[in-house]
Amino acid sequence: MKQVSFAINSLGHTVGVRSLTTGDASRNNVVMSVLTLGSGWHNNHHAFPRAAILRFRWWQFDPSGFVIASLERLGLAWNVRRVDVDALASRRIATRVEGA
């Protein structure tokens, strides 16, 4: 498992998709996200490094974020940092629609 964590720092900057603006080449990688229980959303992490939950789309697999949110609901975690909707929208990379 340790090797998978190290792979985040190399693959997370070379393989995957950039959906948010950051000052680096960080990328989201679905496979790495599954292997690391959510840490593969590396571009999400670099855009909002203090966020506890890295799932910004309904389909993003983030079991670690789910556990943190569950602990918060049970009163076992508090001051959980989330990303504001406006902050997230301001970081989104615009994608051009073909034919538009």
N, C-alpha and C. Protein backbone atom coordinates (compact mmCIF):
# COMPACT_ATOMS: atom_id res chain seq x y z
N MET A 1 0.82 -1.19 0.00
CA MET A 1 0.00 0.00 0.00
C MET A 1 0.87 1.26 0.00
N LYS A 2 2.03 1.16 0.61
CA LYS A 2 2.93 2.32 0.66
C LYS A 2 3.34 2.76 -0.74
N GLN A 3 3.59 1.79 -1.63
CA GLN A 3 3.98 2.11 -3.00
C GLN A 3 2.87 2.85 -3.73
N VAL A 4 1.62 2.50 -3.45
CA VAL A 4 0.49 3.17 -4.08
C VAL A 4 0.46 4.63 -3.64
N SER A 5 0.73 4.88 -2.37
CA SER A 5 0.77 6.26 -1.88
C SER A 5 1.88 7.05 -2.55
N PHE A 6 3.04 6.45 -2.74
CA PHE A 6 4.14 7.12 -3.43
C PHE A 6 3.78 7.39 -4.90
N ALA A 7 3.02 6.47 -5.50
CA ALA A 7 2.63 6.63 -6.90
C ALA A 7 1.75 7.86 -7.11
N ILE A 8 1.01 8.25 -6.08
CA ILE A 8 0.17 9.45 -6.19
C ILE A 8 1.03 10.66 -6.58
N ASN A 9 2.20 10.79 -5.98
CA ASN A 9 3.05 11.95 -6.26
C ASN A 9 3.66 11.94 -7.65
N SER A 10 3.81 10.78 -8.26
CA SER A 10 4.34 10.75 -9.62
C SER A 10 3.22 10.68 -10.65
N LEU A 11 2.34 9.69 -10.54
CA LEU A 11 1.24 9.57 -11.50
C LEU A 11 0.23 10.71 -11.35
N GLY A 12 0.08 11.20 -10.14
CA GLY A 12 -0.88 12.28 -9.88
C GLY A 12 -0.49 13.60 -10.52
N HIS A 13 0.71 13.65 -11.10
CA HIS A 13 1.13 14.86 -11.80
C HIS A 13 1.39 14.61 -13.29
N THR A 14 1.11 13.38 -13.74
CA THR A 14 1.38 13.07 -15.14
C THR A 14 0.23 12.37 -15.86
N VAL A 15 -0.55 11.56 -15.15
CA VAL A 15 -1.59 10.76 -15.80
C VAL A 15 -2.95 11.11 -15.20
N GLY A 16 -3.87 11.51 -16.05
CA GLY A 16 -5.21 11.80 -15.57
C GLY A 16 -5.77 13.08 -16.17
N VAL A 17 -6.77 13.62 -15.50
CA VAL A 17 -7.51 14.77 -16.01
C VAL A 17 -7.39 15.95 -15.06
N ARG A 18 -7.21 17.12 -15.65
CA ARG A 18 -7.20 18.37 -14.87
C ARG A 18 -8.56 19.05 -15.05
N SER A 19 -9.30 19.17 -13.97
CA SER A 19 -10.60 19.83 -14.06
C SER A 19 -10.63 21.13 -13.28
N LEU A 20 -9.60 21.37 -12.46
CA LEU A 20 -9.53 22.59 -11.66
C LEU A 20 -8.19 23.28 -11.87
N THR A 21 -8.19 24.60 -11.84
CA THR A 21 -6.94 25.34 -12.01
C THR A 21 -6.12 25.27 -10.73
N THR A 22 -4.83 24.99 -10.92
CA THR A 22 -3.87 24.97 -9.81
C THR A 22 -2.55 25.52 -10.36
N GLY A 23 -1.60 25.74 -9.50
CA GLY A 23 -0.30 26.25 -9.93
C GLY A 23 0.67 25.15 -10.29
N ASP A 24 0.16 23.96 -10.54
CA ASP A 24 1.03 22.81 -10.85
C ASP A 24 0.36 21.94 -11.91
N ALA A 25 0.87 20.76 -12.11
CA ALA A 25 0.34 19.85 -13.13
C ALA A 25 -0.46 18.70 -12.52
N SER A 26 -1.02 18.90 -11.33
CA SER A 26 -1.75 17.82 -10.66
C SER A 26 -2.95 17.37 -11.50
N ARG A 27 -3.25 16.07 -11.39
CA ARG A 27 -4.32 15.47 -12.19
C ARG A 27 -5.14 14.51 -11.34
N ASN A 28 -6.39 14.37 -11.70
CA ASN A 28 -7.27 13.38 -11.07
C ASN A 28 -7.13 12.07 -11.84
N ASN A 29 -7.04 10.97 -11.10
CA ASN A 29 -6.87 9.67 -11.71
C ASN A 29 -7.82 8.67 -11.04
N VAL A 30 -8.77 8.16 -11.79
CA VAL A 30 -9.80 7.26 -11.25
C VAL A 30 -9.18 6.00 -10.65
N VAL A 31 -8.26 5.37 -11.36
CA VAL A 31 -7.64 4.13 -10.87
C VAL A 31 -6.91 4.38 -9.56
N MET A 32 -6.14 5.45 -9.51
CA MET A 32 -5.41 5.76 -8.27
C MET A 32 -6.38 6.09 -7.14
N SER A 33 -7.50 6.70 -7.48
CA SER A 33 -8.49 7.02 -6.46
C SER A 33 -9.06 5.76 -5.82
N VAL A 34 -9.32 4.75 -6.65
CA VAL A 34 -9.83 3.48 -6.12
C VAL A 34 -8.77 2.82 -5.25
N LEU A 35 -7.53 2.79 -5.72
CA LEU A 35 -6.44 2.13 -4.97
C LEU A 35 -6.10 2.83 -3.66
N THR A 36 -6.34 4.14 -3.59
CA THR A 36 -5.97 4.92 -2.40
C THR A 36 -7.18 5.40 -1.60
N LEU A 37 -8.34 4.88 -1.93
CA LEU A 37 -9.59 5.21 -1.23
C LEU A 37 -9.93 6.69 -1.28
N GLY A 38 -9.62 7.33 -2.40
CA GLY A 38 -10.02 8.71 -2.63
C GLY A 38 -8.88 9.69 -2.86
N SER A 39 -7.67 9.33 -2.54
CA SER A 39 -6.55 10.25 -2.70
C SER A 39 -6.13 10.45 -4.15
N GLY A 40 -6.69 9.67 -5.05
CA GLY A 40 -6.37 9.82 -6.47
C GLY A 40 -6.98 11.07 -7.08
N TRP A 41 -7.85 11.77 -6.34
CA TRP A 41 -8.39 13.05 -6.82
C TRP A 41 -7.36 14.11 -6.47
N HIS A 42 -6.19 13.96 -7.06
CA HIS A 42 -5.02 14.78 -6.73
C HIS A 42 -5.18 16.23 -7.17
N ASN A 43 -5.82 16.45 -8.32
CA ASN A 43 -6.07 17.82 -8.78
C ASN A 43 -7.04 18.51 -7.81
N ASN A 44 -8.05 17.78 -7.34
CA ASN A 44 -8.97 18.33 -6.35
C ASN A 44 -8.21 18.72 -5.09
N HIS A 45 -7.32 17.85 -4.65
CA HIS A 45 -6.52 18.10 -3.44
C HIS A 45 -5.63 19.33 -3.61
N HIS A 46 -4.97 19.47 -4.76
CA HIS A 46 -4.09 20.61 -4.96
C HIS A 46 -4.86 21.92 -5.09
N ALA A 47 -6.08 21.86 -5.62
CA ALA A 47 -6.90 23.06 -5.72
C ALA A 47 -7.41 23.49 -4.34
N PHE A 48 -7.71 22.52 -3.49
CA PHE A 48 -8.23 22.80 -2.15
C PHE A 48 -7.54 21.88 -1.14
N PRO A 49 -6.29 22.17 -0.79
CA PRO A 49 -5.49 21.26 0.04
C PRO A 49 -6.01 21.04 1.46
N ARG A 50 -6.85 21.92 1.96
CA ARG A 50 -7.35 21.76 3.33
C ARG A 50 -8.70 21.05 3.38
N ALA A 51 -9.26 20.70 2.24
CA ALA A 51 -10.56 20.04 2.21
C ALA A 51 -10.44 18.60 2.70
N ALA A 52 -11.38 18.21 3.55
CA ALA A 52 -11.38 16.84 4.07
C ALA A 52 -12.04 15.87 3.10
N ILE A 53 -12.93 16.38 2.27
CA ILE A 53 -13.67 15.54 1.34
C ILE A 53 -13.32 15.97 -0.07
N LEU A 54 -12.78 15.05 -0.87
CA LEU A 54 -12.27 15.37 -2.20
C LEU A 54 -13.23 15.00 -3.32
N ARG A 55 -14.41 14.59 -2.99
CA ARG A 55 -15.42 14.22 -3.98
C ARG A 55 -16.19 15.48 -4.38
N PHE A 56 -15.91 15.99 -5.58
CA PHE A 56 -16.57 17.20 -6.05
C PHE A 56 -17.61 16.91 -7.13
N ARG A 57 -17.65 15.69 -7.62
CA ARG A 57 -18.65 15.25 -8.60
C ARG A 57 -19.33 14.01 -8.03
N TRP A 58 -20.56 13.73 -8.43
CA TRP A 58 -21.31 12.62 -7.85
C TRP A 58 -20.62 11.28 -8.08
N TRP A 59 -19.87 11.15 -9.16
CA TRP A 59 -19.25 9.87 -9.52
C TRP A 59 -17.85 9.69 -8.96
N GLN A 60 -17.31 10.69 -8.29
CA GLN A 60 -15.94 10.57 -7.75
C GLN A 60 -15.96 9.70 -6.49
N PHE A 61 -15.22 8.61 -6.55
CA PHE A 61 -15.13 7.61 -5.48
C PHE A 61 -14.22 8.14 -4.37
N ASP A 62 -14.78 8.42 -3.20
CA ASP A 62 -14.00 8.98 -2.09
C ASP A 62 -14.43 8.35 -0.76
N PRO A 63 -14.08 7.09 -0.53
CA PRO A 63 -14.45 6.44 0.72
C PRO A 63 -13.89 7.14 1.97
N SER A 64 -12.70 7.70 1.87
CA SER A 64 -12.12 8.40 3.02
C SER A 64 -13.00 9.59 3.39
N GLY A 65 -13.44 10.34 2.39
CA GLY A 65 -14.33 11.47 2.64
C GLY A 65 -15.65 11.02 3.24
N PHE A 66 -16.17 9.87 2.78
CA PHE A 66 -17.41 9.32 3.32
C PHE A 66 -17.24 8.99 4.81
N VAL A 67 -16.12 8.38 5.16
CA VAL A 67 -15.86 8.03 6.57
C VAL A 67 -15.79 9.30 7.41
N ILE A 68 -15.09 10.32 6.92
CA ILE A 68 -14.97 11.58 7.66
C ILE A 68 -16.35 12.22 7.85
N ALA A 69 -17.15 12.27 6.78
CA ALA A 69 -18.50 12.85 6.88
C ALA A 69 -19.37 12.04 7.85
N SER A 70 -19.23 10.72 7.84
CA SER A 70 -20.00 9.87 8.75
C SER A 70 -19.60 10.11 10.20
N LEU A 71 -18.31 10.22 10.44
CA LEU A 71 -17.83 10.52 11.79
C LEU A 71 -18.34 11.88 12.27
N GLU A 72 -18.40 12.83 11.34
CA GLU A 72 -18.92 14.16 11.69
C GLU A 72 -20.40 14.06 12.09
N ARG A 73 -21.19 13.32 11.32
CA ARG A 73 -22.62 13.15 11.63
C ARG A 73 -22.83 12.47 12.98
N LEU A 74 -21.92 11.59 13.35
CA LEU A 74 -22.01 10.90 14.65
C LEU A 74 -21.47 11.74 15.80
N GLY A 75 -20.92 12.91 15.49
CA GLY A 75 -20.36 13.77 16.52
C GLY A 75 -18.96 13.39 16.94
N LEU A 76 -18.30 12.54 16.14
CA LEU A 76 -16.95 12.08 16.47
C LEU A 76 -15.87 12.84 15.71
N ALA A 77 -16.27 13.72 14.81
CA ALA A 77 -15.35 14.60 14.08
C ALA A 77 -16.03 15.96 13.99
N TRP A 78 -15.26 17.00 14.06
CA TRP A 78 -15.83 18.34 13.99
C TRP A 78 -14.87 19.27 13.25
N ASN A 79 -15.38 20.44 12.88
CA ASN A 79 -14.60 21.41 12.09
C ASN A 79 -14.09 20.80 10.78
N VAL A 80 -14.91 19.97 10.18
CA VAL A 80 -14.56 19.32 8.92
C VAL A 80 -14.61 20.37 7.82
N ARG A 81 -13.51 20.53 7.11
CA ARG A 81 -13.44 21.55 6.06
C ARG A 81 -13.99 21.01 4.75
N ARG A 82 -14.91 21.79 4.21
CA ARG A 82 -15.50 21.48 2.91
C ARG A 82 -15.22 22.62 1.96
N VAL A 83 -15.42 22.36 0.69
CA VAL A 83 -15.18 23.38 -0.34
C VAL A 83 -16.50 24.10 -0.63
N ASP A 84 -16.45 25.40 -0.57
CA ASP A 84 -17.60 26.23 -0.89
C ASP A 84 -17.93 26.10 -2.38
N VAL A 85 -19.21 26.06 -2.71
CA VAL A 85 -19.66 25.89 -4.09
C VAL A 85 -19.11 27.00 -4.99
N ASP A 86 -19.10 28.23 -4.50
CA ASP A 86 -18.59 29.34 -5.31
C ASP A 86 -17.08 29.22 -5.53
N ALA A 87 -16.35 28.78 -4.50
CA ALA A 87 -14.91 28.60 -4.65
C ALA A 87 -14.62 27.50 -5.67
N LEU A 88 -15.40 26.44 -5.63
CA LEU A 88 -15.22 25.34 -6.57
C LEU A 88 -15.51 25.82 -8.00
N ALA A 89 -16.58 26.56 -8.17
CA ALA A 89 -16.94 27.06 -9.51
C ALA A 89 -15.86 28.00 -10.06
N SER A 90 -15.24 28.76 -9.20
CA SER A 90 -14.21 29.70 -9.67
C SER A 90 -12.93 28.99 -10.12
N ARG A 91 -12.73 27.76 -9.68
CA ARG A 91 -11.53 27.00 -10.05
C ARG A 91 -11.73 26.06 -11.22
N ARG A 92 -12.97 25.85 -11.64
CA ARG A 92 -13.24 24.91 -12.74
C ARG A 92 -12.60 25.38 -14.03
N ILE A 93 -12.01 24.45 -14.74
CA ILE A 93 -11.44 24.73 -16.06
C ILE A 93 -12.58 24.60 -17.06
N ALA A 94 -12.80 25.65 -17.82
CA ALA A 94 -13.89 25.62 -18.81
C ALA A 94 -13.54 24.62 -19.91
N THR A 95 -14.50 23.80 -20.25
CA THR A 95 -14.31 22.85 -21.34
C THR A 95 -15.13 23.32 -22.52
N ARG A 96 -14.52 23.29 -23.67
CA ARG A 96 -15.17 23.75 -24.89
C ARG A 96 -16.06 22.65 -25.44
N VAL A 97 -17.29 22.98 -25.74
CA VAL A 97 -18.21 22.01 -26.31
C VAL A 97 -18.03 22.03 -27.82
N GLU A 98 -17.81 20.84 -28.39
CA GLU A 98 -17.61 20.73 -29.83
C GLU A 98 -18.88 21.14 -30.56
N GLY A 99 -18.73 21.92 -31.61
CA GLY A 99 -19.85 22.33 -32.43
C GLY A 99 -20.58 23.56 -31.89
N ALA A 100 -20.13 24.07 -30.75
CA ALA A 100 -20.81 25.23 -30.16
C ALA A 100 -20.19 26.53 -30.62
